Structures are given as C-alpha cells and as structure tokens.
Protein backbone atom coordinates (compact mmCIF):
# COMPACT_ATOMS: atom_id res chain seq x y z
CA MET A 1 6.36 -5.37 -18.46
CA SER A 2 4.06 -2.51 -16.66
CA ASN A 3 5.24 0.45 -15.23
CA LEU A 4 4.74 -1.01 -11.52
CA ASP A 5 6.31 -3.99 -12.73
CA ARG A 6 9.84 -2.11 -13.73
CA GLN A 7 9.75 -0.42 -10.63
CA ALA A 8 9.28 -3.29 -8.37
CA SER A 9 12.28 -4.99 -10.05
CA SER A 10 14.82 -2.02 -9.99
CA VAL A 11 14.11 -1.68 -5.92
CA PRO A 12 17.39 -1.84 -4.46
CA TYR A 13 18.18 -3.78 -0.99
CA TYR A 14 17.03 -2.23 1.71
CA GLU A 15 18.09 -1.92 5.34
CA PRO A 16 15.41 -4.75 7.23
CA ASP A 17 13.95 -1.92 9.40
CA TYR A 18 13.27 0.14 6.03
CA HIS A 19 9.76 -0.08 5.05
CA TYR A 20 9.07 -0.52 1.30
CA CYS A 21 5.96 -1.59 -0.82
CA LYS A 22 7.16 -5.27 -2.06
CA ILE A 23 4.35 -4.21 -5.28
CA CYS A 24 6.25 -1.04 -6.47
CA GLY A 25 9.20 -0.09 -4.41
CA SER A 26 7.40 3.00 -2.87
CA ASP A 27 8.49 4.45 0.24
CA MET A 28 5.90 2.97 2.92
CA ASP A 29 3.86 5.32 5.11
CA TRP A 30 2.79 4.68 8.84
CA ALA A 31 -0.83 4.80 10.15
CA ASP A 32 -1.86 5.43 13.78
CA CYS A 33 -4.09 3.01 14.97
CA HIS A 34 -7.81 4.49 14.78
CA MET A 35 -8.89 2.39 17.49
CA ILE A 36 -10.33 4.99 20.21
CA ASP A 37 -8.01 3.99 23.21
CA CYS A 38 -5.26 2.29 21.99
CA GLU A 39 -1.82 3.88 22.77
CA ASP A 40 1.23 2.22 21.30
CA GLY A 41 -0.71 -1.13 20.69
CA GLN A 42 -2.11 -1.28 23.80
CA TYR A 43 -5.22 0.01 25.79
CA ASP A 44 -6.54 0.24 29.55
CA LEU A 45 -9.25 -2.38 30.12
CA GLY A 46 -10.01 -0.16 33.81
CA GLU A 47 -10.80 2.83 31.11
CA GLU A 48 -13.18 0.30 29.14
CA ASP A 49 -14.44 -1.75 32.15
CA CYS A 50 -13.64 0.23 35.54
CA ILE A 51 -15.90 -2.62 37.32
CA ASN A 52 -14.10 -5.55 36.70
CA TYR A 53 -10.56 -4.18 36.15
CA ASP A 54 -8.09 -2.31 37.86
CA PRO A 55 -6.79 1.30 36.24
CA GLY A 56 -3.71 0.44 34.46
CA THR A 57 -4.24 -3.33 33.63
CA TYR A 58 -3.40 -3.17 29.88
CA ALA A 59 -4.48 -5.47 26.94
CA THR A 60 -3.29 -5.48 23.63
CA CYS A 61 -5.12 -4.30 20.95
CA HIS A 62 -7.09 -6.47 18.54
CA GLU A 63 -7.25 -4.19 15.35
CA CYS A 64 -3.19 -3.05 15.24
CA GLU A 65 -2.30 -6.58 16.93
CA GLY A 66 -0.06 -4.52 19.49
CA LYS A 67 1.90 -2.81 16.84
CA GLY A 68 -0.02 0.95 16.95
CA GLY A 69 -0.29 1.35 13.66
CA TRP A 70 0.39 -0.10 10.76
CA TRP A 71 2.82 0.47 7.52
CA TYR A 72 0.98 1.14 4.01
CA CYS A 73 1.79 2.27 0.70
CA PRO A 74 0.70 5.53 -0.84
CA ASN A 75 0.84 5.21 -4.37
CA LYS A 76 -2.48 5.02 -5.67
CA ASP A 77 -1.92 3.06 -8.58
CA CYS A 78 -0.52 0.15 -5.64
CA LYS A 79 -2.95 -2.39 -5.14
CA PRO A 80 -2.09 -4.61 -2.40
CA THR A 81 -4.22 -7.63 -1.27
CA PRO A 82 -2.96 -10.32 1.15
CA SER A 83 -1.80 -12.29 -1.76
CA ASN A 84 0.56 -9.92 -3.27
CA GLY A 85 2.48 -8.60 0.10
CA ASP A 86 -0.92 -6.61 1.89
CA PRO A 87 0.77 -6.02 5.30
CA ARG A 88 -2.46 -6.10 6.87
C-alpha cells in the first residue's frame, strides 16, 4: 500500500462545503480564473465588443464555467487525472 493510499484511506468525513482531494486527502487550494476579464465567473460583453453589446451585458466565462476559478490539490505527489477525480 503506497503512502498516498494510506492517506486517502484515513481521510475522515468532512462537511459538504469543505474541499479536499479525493485522491490523497490534502486540503484543496483555490485558484482564481486566469481569463483577463473574468470577474466571479462572468465577463462584460460590452467591454469585449462595444459595438454589438451594451456595457453591463454579461456572459458566463468559458474557462472557469462561471465558477470564478477552481479547486486544485497542492500536493506535488498527487497526480489527478479526469479518471481519478480531477475537478476540472
């Protein structure tokens, strides 16, 4: 049994709003969306294209899917992939 397996099997029950890695049990860190005009998962279409959209017309950010960022595991030994629980 690897060290990561031991850590994941010893993860206690957490509250639903608590974010932890499903692979290794580490606390997750939040990364803000890196899209230039994204503010809390939305961006102003009027700033992007002032001819076709009025200022204040917002659209959902395609990069963070409207979440404003994403949770990630800071553990360097943990290698999340879509098949084992990568949150993205």
